[in-house]
């Protein structure tokens, strides 16, 4: 009698490519992202404090 071989799924590790070097037309440094976040947070806090008076 012939024994059946165990079949394993095929690996695609050699076929898949990941591109780590992507160059965008807009480049923002990490410092600029942090500064923008702080500015948005400060604006939000200022609007919570003084914004209610603007609506009256």
Protein backbone atom coordinates (compact mmCIF):
# COMPACT_ATOMS: atom_id res chain seq x y z
CA UNK A 1 0.00 0.00 0.00
CA UNK A 2 1.15 3.54 -0.78
CA UNK A 3 1.39 5.98 2.12
CA UNK A 4 0.07 9.46 1.47
CA UNK A 5 2.47 12.32 2.07
CA UNK A 6 1.50 15.06 4.47
CA UNK A 7 0.94 18.24 2.50
CA UNK A 8 1.89 21.53 4.10
CA UNK A 9 0.75 24.98 2.93
CA UNK A 10 3.13 26.76 0.60
CA UNK A 11 5.22 29.59 1.97
CA UNK A 12 5.20 32.97 0.23
CA UNK A 13 8.08 34.46 2.21
CA UNK A 14 10.27 34.80 -0.86
CA UNK A 15 7.56 36.39 -3.00
CA UNK A 16 6.25 39.09 -0.66
CA UNK A 17 7.98 42.47 -0.84
CA UNK A 18 7.71 45.28 1.67
CA UNK A 19 8.85 48.75 0.71
CA UNK A 20 10.34 50.56 3.70
CA UNK A 21 11.78 53.44 1.64
CA UNK A 22 8.70 55.45 0.69
CA UNK A 23 9.29 59.12 -0.12
CA UNK A 24 6.27 61.37 0.29
CA UNK A 25 5.99 64.82 -1.27
CA UNK A 26 5.08 66.16 2.19
CA UNK A 27 7.72 65.56 4.84
CA UNK A 28 7.06 66.49 8.47
CA UNK A 29 9.65 65.98 11.19
CA UNK A 30 8.68 64.43 14.53
CA UNK A 31 9.30 67.78 16.25
CA UNK A 32 6.78 69.47 13.95
CA UNK A 33 4.18 66.80 14.72
CA UNK A 34 4.65 67.30 18.48
CA UNK A 35 4.49 71.10 18.09
CA UNK A 36 1.30 70.85 16.02
CA UNK A 37 -0.26 68.59 18.64
CA UNK A 38 0.63 71.03 21.42
CA UNK A 39 -0.81 73.95 19.44
CA UNK A 40 -4.07 72.09 18.83
CA UNK A 41 -4.26 71.15 22.53
CA UNK A 42 -3.64 74.79 23.58
CA UNK A 43 -6.28 76.04 21.12
CA UNK A 44 -8.78 73.47 22.43
CA UNK A 45 -8.14 74.50 26.05
CA UNK A 46 -8.40 78.20 25.16
CA UNK A 47 -11.71 77.64 23.38
CA UNK A 48 -13.08 75.74 26.37
CA UNK A 49 -12.10 78.59 28.69
CA UNK A 50 -13.03 81.64 26.58
CA UNK A 51 -15.17 80.16 23.81
CA UNK A 52 -18.41 80.09 25.81
CA UNK A 53 -18.25 83.88 26.13
CA UNK A 54 -18.05 84.23 22.36
CA UNK A 55 -21.39 82.46 21.89
CA UNK A 56 -23.37 84.86 24.13
